């Protein structure tokens, strides 16, 4: 049997290539998959006040929720989607627009101070939006103003929360976080103008 060094060299290169490819495939499958974690909380973007006209609320379309982090606020949670859709309908149909006042904030992203600072008649609604783009719905009640708003500026998160005046004074109860039943109670209350 004749040994041809040329054939041996080619065979060695071939074996090395197969081994390297196999090792590369092995390493690729052995690695843990890497997932990019969504931001826990989007920081509000501070911008200078502008006198430029804003888009009309009727042209605003609610964002589709694609967050998989919190199963209570995912695309696959019909209740969250319905709750947010009813909220957006109420927000678009609000009686008046009110410029956002930073003094409404309590320092934790909630608007406790708007309950006493914004005066609305029973059943009257107003809409506003903070600097981060969070939609705010204000509802006049017998004991002050109830505030329902998007908790986070991340458009994929459909969480809604509320602030209310002292509960014993208010003739409309809205929980926080806001539930689907709560937004339908607001619809009934507003349609009956606080009756």
C-alpha atoms as a PDB file:
ATOM      1  CA  UNK A   1       0.000   0.000   0.000  1.00  0.00           C
ATOM      2  CA  UNK A   2       1.410   3.338  -1.041  1.00  0.00           C
ATOM      3  CA  UNK A   3       1.218   6.337   1.239  1.00  0.00           C
ATOM      4  CA  UNK A   4       0.609   9.565  -0.523  1.00  0.00           C
ATOM      5  CA  UNK A   5       1.417  12.453   1.767  1.00  0.00           C
ATOM      6  CA  UNK A   6      -0.771  14.715  -0.300  1.00  0.00           C
ATOM      7  CA  UNK A   7      -3.856  12.535   0.385  1.00  0.00           C
ATOM      8  CA  UNK A   8      -2.957  12.253   4.067  1.00  0.00           C
ATOM      9  CA  UNK A   9      -2.689  16.054   4.316  1.00  0.00           C
ATOM     10  CA  UNK A  10      -6.039  16.545   2.621  1.00  0.00           C
ATOM     11  CA  UNK A  11      -7.638  13.941   4.866  1.00  0.00           C
ATOM     12  CA  UNK A  12      -6.188  15.648   7.942  1.00  0.00           C
ATOM     13  CA  UNK A  13      -7.563  19.022   6.811  1.00  0.00           C
ATOM     14  CA  UNK A  14     -10.962  17.432   6.160  1.00  0.00           C
ATOM     15  CA  UNK A  15     -11.060  15.781   9.602  1.00  0.00           C
ATOM     16  CA  UNK A  16     -10.009  19.043  11.242  1.00  0.00           C
ATOM     17  CA  UNK A  17     -12.733  20.981   9.375  1.00  0.00           C
ATOM     18  CA  UNK A  18     -15.422  18.478  10.373  1.00  0.00           C
ATOM     19  CA  UNK A  19     -14.235  18.507  13.986  1.00  0.00           C
ATOM     20  CA  UNK A  20     -14.168  22.321  14.105  1.00  0.00           C
ATOM     21  CA  UNK A  21     -17.637  22.553  12.581  1.00  0.00           C
ATOM     22  CA  UNK A  22     -18.973  19.936  14.981  1.00  0.00           C
ATOM     23  CA  UNK A  23     -17.431  21.746  17.947  1.00  0.00           C
ATOM     24  CA  UNK A  24     -18.926  25.062  16.765  1.00  0.00           C
ATOM     25  CA  UNK A  25     -22.366  23.481  16.507  1.00  0.00           C
ATOM     26  CA  UNK A  26     -21.929  21.871  19.925  1.00  0.00           C
ATOM     27  CA  UNK A  27     -21.002  25.246  21.490  1.00  0.00           C
ATOM     28  CA  UNK A  28     -23.937  26.978  19.802  1.00  0.00           C
ATOM     29  CA  UNK A  29     -26.434  24.512  21.241  1.00  0.00           C
ATOM     30  CA  UNK A  30     -24.777  24.329  24.638  1.00  0.00           C
ATOM     31  CA  UNK A  31     -25.030  28.094  25.260  1.00  0.00           C
ATOM     32  CA  UNK A  32     -27.925  29.447  27.261  1.00  0.00           C
ATOM     33  CA  UNK A  33     -30.297  31.459  25.092  1.00  0.00           C
ATOM     34  CA  UNK A  34     -29.966  35.152  25.713  1.00  0.00           C
ATOM     35  CA  UNK A  35     -33.103  37.175  26.198  1.00  0.00           C
ATOM     36  CA  UNK A  36     -33.242  40.928  26.244  1.00  0.00           C
ATOM     37  CA  UNK A  37     -35.155  42.013  29.325  1.00  0.00           C
ATOM     38  CA  UNK A  38     -37.694  44.799  28.799  1.00  0.00           C
ATOM     39  CA  UNK A  39     -37.121  47.997  30.736  1.00  0.00           C
ATOM     40  CA  UNK A  40     -38.683  47.886  34.203  1.00  0.00           C
ATOM     41  CA  UNK A  41     -39.912  51.448  33.974  1.00  0.00           C
ATOM     42  CA  UNK A  42     -39.456  53.931  31.205  1.00  0.00           C
ATOM     43  CA  UNK A  43     -38.130  57.215  32.489  1.00  0.00           C
ATOM     44  CA  UNK A  44     -40.167  60.256  31.517  1.00  0.00           C
ATOM     45  CA  UNK A  45     -38.579  62.372  28.851  1.00  0.00           C
ATOM     46  CA  UNK A  46     -38.403  66.020  29.855  1.00  0.00           C
ATOM     47  CA  UNK A  47     -38.973  68.398  26.996  1.00  0.00           C
ATOM     48  CA  UNK A  48     -39.388  72.119  26.798  1.00  0.00           C
ATOM     49  CA  UNK A  49     -43.015  73.293  26.570  1.00  0.00           C
ATOM     50  CA  UNK A  50     -44.078  73.842  23.012  1.00  0.00           C
ATOM     51  CA  UNK A  51     -46.732  76.076  21.596  1.00  0.00           C
ATOM     52  CA  UNK A  52     -47.029  73.830  18.545  1.00  0.00           C
ATOM     53  CA  UNK A  53     -50.476  72.280  18.094  1.00  0.00           C
ATOM     54  CA  UNK A  54     -50.796  68.672  19.182  1.00  0.00           C
ATOM     55  CA  UNK A  55     -52.539  65.919  17.275  1.00  0.00           C
ATOM     56  CA  UNK A  56     -56.229  65.623  17.979  1.00  0.00           C
ATOM     57  CA  UNK A  57     -57.213  62.910  20.485  1.00  0.00           C
ATOM     58  CA  UNK A  58     -59.455  61.345  17.839  1.00  0.00           C
ATOM     59  CA  UNK A  59     -56.396  60.585  15.701  1.00  0.00           C
ATOM     60  CA  UNK A  60     -54.630  58.809  18.571  1.00  0.00           C
ATOM     61  CA  UNK A  61     -54.779  55.022  18.312  1.00  0.00           C
ATOM     62  CA  UNK A  62     -54.120  52.883  21.372  1.00  0.00           C
ATOM     63  CA  UNK A  63     -50.920  50.901  21.092  1.00  0.00           C
ATOM     64  CA  UNK A  64     -51.058  47.143  20.763  1.00  0.00           C
ATOM     65  CA  UNK A  65     -49.565  45.512  23.800  1.00  0.00           C
ATOM     66  CA  UNK A  66     -46.669  43.167  22.995  1.00  0.00           C
ATOM     67  CA  UNK A  67     -45.037  42.928  26.414  1.00  0.00           C
ATOM     68  CA  UNK A  68     -44.527  39.356  27.606  1.00  0.00           C
ATOM     69  CA  UNK A  69     -43.049  40.320  30.974  1.00  0.00           C
ATOM     70  CA  UNK A  70     -46.282  40.740  32.888  1.00  0.00           C
ATOM     71  CA  UNK A  71     -48.966  38.236  31.898  1.00  0.00           C
ATOM     72  CA  UNK A  72     -51.647  40.578  33.261  1.00  0.00           C
ATOM     73  CA  UNK A  73     -50.719  43.082  30.553  1.00  0.00           C
ATOM     74  CA  UNK A  74     -49.958  41.002  27.491  1.00  0.00           C
ATOM     75  CA  UNK A  75     -51.403  40.741  24.045  1.00  0.00           C
ATOM     76  CA  UNK A  76     -53.009  37.486  25.184  1.00  0.00           C
ATOM     77  CA  UNK A  77     -54.999  39.076  28.006  1.00  0.00           C
ATOM     78  CA  UNK A  78     -58.326  40.140  26.480  1.00  0.00           C
ATOM     79  CA  UNK A  79     -59.452  41.813  29.726  1.00  0.00           C
ATOM     80  CA  UNK A  80     -56.460  44.185  29.737  1.00  0.00           C
ATOM     81  CA  UNK A  81     -57.037  45.052  26.104  1.00  0.00           C
ATOM     82  CA  UNK A  82     -60.767  45.656  26.647  1.00  0.00           C
ATOM     83  CA  UNK A  83     -60.123  47.732  29.793  1.00  0.00           C
ATOM     84  CA  UNK A  84     -57.600  49.907  27.969  1.00  0.00           C
ATOM     85  CA  UNK A  85     -59.885  50.279  24.919  1.00  0.00           C
ATOM     86  CA  UNK A  86     -62.768  51.511  27.115  1.00  0.00           C
ATOM     87  CA  UNK A  87     -60.382  53.884  28.911  1.00  0.00           C
ATOM     88  CA  UNK A  88     -59.197  55.285  25.564  1.00  0.00           C
ATOM     89  CA  UNK A  89     -62.803  55.726  24.408  1.00  0.00           C
ATOM     90  CA  UNK A  90     -63.543  57.701  27.588  1.00  0.00           C
ATOM     91  CA  UNK A  91     -60.330  59.706  27.175  1.00  0.00           C
ATOM     92  CA  UNK A  92     -61.122  60.624  23.563  1.00  0.00           C
ATOM     93  CA  UNK A  93     -64.701  61.607  24.385  1.00  0.00           C
ATOM     94  CA  UNK A  94     -63.818  63.704  27.430  1.00  0.00           C
ATOM     95  CA  UNK A  95     -65.749  66.974  27.736  1.00  0.00           C
ATOM     96  CA  UNK A  96     -62.663  69.200  27.903  1.00  0.00           C
ATOM     97  CA  UNK A  97     -58.898  69.283  27.497  1.00  0.00           C
ATOM     98  CA  UNK A  98     -56.841  70.418  30.476  1.00  0.00           C
ATOM     99  CA  UNK A  99     -53.166  71.330  30.265  1.00  0.00           C
ATOM    100  CA  UNK A 100     -51.049  69.051  32.432  1.00  0.00           C
ATOM    101  CA  UNK A 101     -49.882  70.599  35.684  1.00  0.00           C
ATOM    102  CA  UNK A 102     -46.706  69.060  37.199  1.00  0.00           C
ATOM    103  CA  UNK A 103     -48.073  69.972  40.641  1.00  0.00           C
ATOM    104  CA  UNK A 104     -50.593  67.147  40.257  1.00  0.00           C
ATOM    105  CA  UNK A 105     -47.737  64.670  40.809  1.00  0.00           C
ATOM    106  CA  UNK A 106     -46.877  63.287  44.214  1.00  0.00           C
ATOM    107  CA  UNK A 107     -43.315  62.286  43.346  1.00  0.00           C
ATOM    108  CA  UNK A 108     -44.008  58.578  42.708  1.00  0.00           C
ATOM    109  CA  UNK A 109     -45.704  58.866  39.318  1.00  0.00           C
ATOM    110  CA  UNK A 110     -49.225  59.202  40.723  1.00  0.00           C
ATOM    111  CA  UNK A 111     -51.477  62.268  40.530  1.00  0.00           C
ATOM    112  CA  UNK A 112     -52.941  62.501  44.040  1.00  0.00           C
ATOM    113  CA  UNK A 113     -52.960  66.298  44.028  1.00  0.00           C
ATOM    114  CA  UNK A 114     -55.158  66.494  40.906  1.00  0.00           C
ATOM    115  CA  UNK A 115     -58.043  65.098  42.998  1.00  0.00           C
ATOM    116  CA  UNK A 116     -58.340  68.428  44.817  1.00  0.00           C
ATOM    117  CA  UNK A 117     -56.689  70.782  42.295  1.00  0.00           C
ATOM    118  CA  UNK A 118     -58.957  70.000  39.322  1.00  0.00           C
ATOM    119  CA  UNK A 119     -62.582  70.996  39.852  1.00  0.00           C
ATOM    120  CA  UNK A 120     -65.145  69.292  37.641  1.00  0.00           C
ATOM    121  CA  UNK A 121     -68.930  68.986  37.922  1.00  0.00           C
ATOM    122  CA  UNK A 122     -70.401  65.563  38.732  1.00  0.00           C
ATOM    123  CA  UNK A 123     -70.112  63.365  35.663  1.00  0.00           C
ATOM    124  CA  UNK A 124     -67.972  65.873  33.771  1.00  0.00           C
ATOM    125  CA  UNK A 125     -64.747  64.518  32.270  1.00  0.00           C
ATOM    126  CA  UNK A 126     -61.477  66.064  31.173  1.00  0.00           C
ATOM    127  CA  UNK A 127     -58.399  64.664  29.491  1.00  0.00           C
ATOM    128  CA  UNK A 128     -54.749  65.525  29.864  1.00  0.00           C
ATOM    129  CA  UNK A 129     -51.353  64.014  29.169  1.00  0.00           C
ATOM    130  CA  UNK A 130     -48.146  64.291  31.193  1.00  0.00           C
ATOM    131  CA  UNK A 131     -44.676  65.076  29.791  1.00  0.00           C
ATOM    132  CA  UNK A 132     -43.967  61.361  29.328  1.00  0.00           C
ATOM    133  CA  UNK A 133     -47.075  60.898  27.179  1.00  0.00           C
ATOM    134  CA  UNK A 134     -49.198  59.087  29.770  1.00  0.00           C
ATOM    135  CA  UNK A 135     -52.913  59.617  29.119  1.00  0.00           C
ATOM    136  CA  UNK A 136     -54.862  61.029  32.084  1.00  0.00           C
ATOM    137  CA  UNK A 137     -58.666  60.942  32.479  1.00  0.00           C
ATOM    138  CA  UNK A 138     -60.242  63.134  35.156  1.00  0.00           C
ATOM    139  CA  UNK A 139     -63.832  62.482  36.320  1.00  0.00           C
ATOM    140  CA  UNK A 140     -65.828  64.917  38.444  1.00  0.00           C
ATOM    141  CA  UNK A 141     -67.681  63.328  41.379  1.00  0.00           C
ATOM    142  CA  UNK A 142     -69.609  64.586  44.398  1.00  0.00           C
ATOM    143  CA  UNK A 143     -66.498  64.608  46.595  1.00  0.00           C
ATOM    144  CA  UNK A 144     -63.760  65.668  44.194  1.00  0.00           C
ATOM    145  CA  UNK A 145     -62.047  64.478  41.059  1.00  0.00           C
ATOM    146  CA  UNK A 146     -61.093  60.872  40.331  1.00  0.00           C
ATOM    147  CA  UNK A 147     -57.988  60.447  38.180  1.00  0.00           C
ATOM    148  CA  UNK A 148     -57.454  57.358  35.997  1.00  0.00           C
ATOM    149  CA  UNK A 149     -54.206  57.144  34.044  1.00  0.00           C
ATOM    150  CA  UNK A 150     -51.646  54.921  32.378  1.00  0.00           C
ATOM    151  CA  UNK A 151     -49.189  53.843  35.044  1.00  0.00           C
ATOM    152  CA  UNK A 152     -46.186  53.665  32.715  1.00  0.00           C
ATOM    153  CA  UNK A 153     -45.144  55.627  29.643  1.00  0.00           C
ATOM    154  CA  UNK A 154     -44.104  52.389  27.909  1.00  0.00           C
ATOM    155  CA  UNK A 155     -46.760  52.103  25.215  1.00  0.00           C
ATOM    156  CA  UNK A 156     -46.712  48.304  25.431  1.00  0.00           C
ATOM    157  CA  UNK A 157     -47.788  48.312  29.066  1.00  0.00           C
ATOM    158  CA  UNK A 158     -51.548  48.742  29.420  1.00  0.00           C
ATOM    159  CA  UNK A 159     -51.617  49.047  33.224  1.00  0.00           C
ATOM    160  CA  UNK A 160     -54.141  51.608  34.486  1.00  0.00           C
ATOM    161  CA  UNK A 161     -54.208  53.037  37.995  1.00  0.00           C
ATOM    162  CA  UNK A 162     -56.244  55.682  39.774  1.00  0.00           C
ATOM    163  CA  UNK A 163     -56.251  58.310  42.477  1.00  0.00           C
ATOM    164  CA  UNK A 164     -59.435  59.270  44.301  1.00  0.00           C
ATOM    165  CA  UNK A 165     -60.425  61.824  46.906  1.00  0.00           C
ATOM    166  CA  UNK A 166     -61.304  60.507  50.358  1.00  0.00           C
ATOM    167  CA  UNK A 167     -63.443  57.450  49.631  1.00  0.00           C
ATOM    168  CA  UNK A 168     -66.253  58.436  52.035  1.00  0.00           C
ATOM    169  CA  UNK A 169     -66.844  61.611  49.987  1.00  0.00           C
ATOM    170  CA  UNK A 170     -66.944  60.045  46.539  1.00  0.00           C
ATOM    171  CA  UNK A 171     -70.099  58.633  44.934  1.00  0.00           C
ATOM    172  CA  UNK A 172     -68.049  56.594  42.417  1.00  0.00           C
ATOM    173  CA  UNK A 173     -65.542  53.946  43.477  1.00  0.00           C
ATOM    174  CA  UNK A 174     -62.560  53.140  41.242  1.00  0.00           C
ATOM    175  CA  UNK A 175     -59.938  50.680  42.435  1.00  0.00           C
ATOM    176  CA  UNK A 176     -56.221  50.942  41.799  1.00  0.00           C
ATOM    177  CA  UNK A 177     -55.057  49.115  39.755  1.00  0.00           C
ATOM    178  CA  UNK A 178     -58.145  49.784  37.663  1.00  0.00           C
ATOM    179  CA  UNK A 179     -60.272  46.754  36.838  1.00  0.00           C
ATOM    180  CA  UNK A 180     -62.523  46.174  33.828  1.00  0.00           C
ATOM    181  CA  UNK A 181     -65.653  46.639  35.982  1.00  0.00           C
ATOM    182  CA  UNK A 182     -64.296  50.001  37.145  1.00  0.00           C
ATOM    183  CA  UNK A 183     -64.075  51.468  33.637  1.00  0.00           C
ATOM    184  CA  UNK A 184     -67.613  50.298  32.854  1.00  0.00           C
ATOM    185  CA  UNK A 185     -68.842  51.936  36.094  1.00  0.00           C
ATOM    186  CA  UNK A 186     -67.175  55.150  34.936  1.00  0.00           C
ATOM    187  CA  UNK A 187     -68.956  54.846  31.559  1.00  0.00           C
ATOM    188  CA  UNK A 188     -72.336  54.483  33.314  1.00  0.00           C
ATOM    189  CA  UNK A 189     -71.543  57.321  35.703  1.00  0.00           C
ATOM    190  CA  UNK A 190     -70.450  59.687  32.924  1.00  0.00           C
ATOM    191  CA  UNK A 191     -73.376  58.807  30.647  1.00  0.00           C
ATOM    192  CA  UNK A 192     -75.765  59.485  33.524  1.00  0.00           C
ATOM    193  CA  UNK A 193     -73.749  62.680  34.309  1.00  0.00           C
ATOM    194  CA  UNK A 194     -73.207  61.582  37.888  1.00  0.00           C
ATOM    195  CA  UNK A 195     -76.776  60.513  38.541  1.00  0.00           C
END
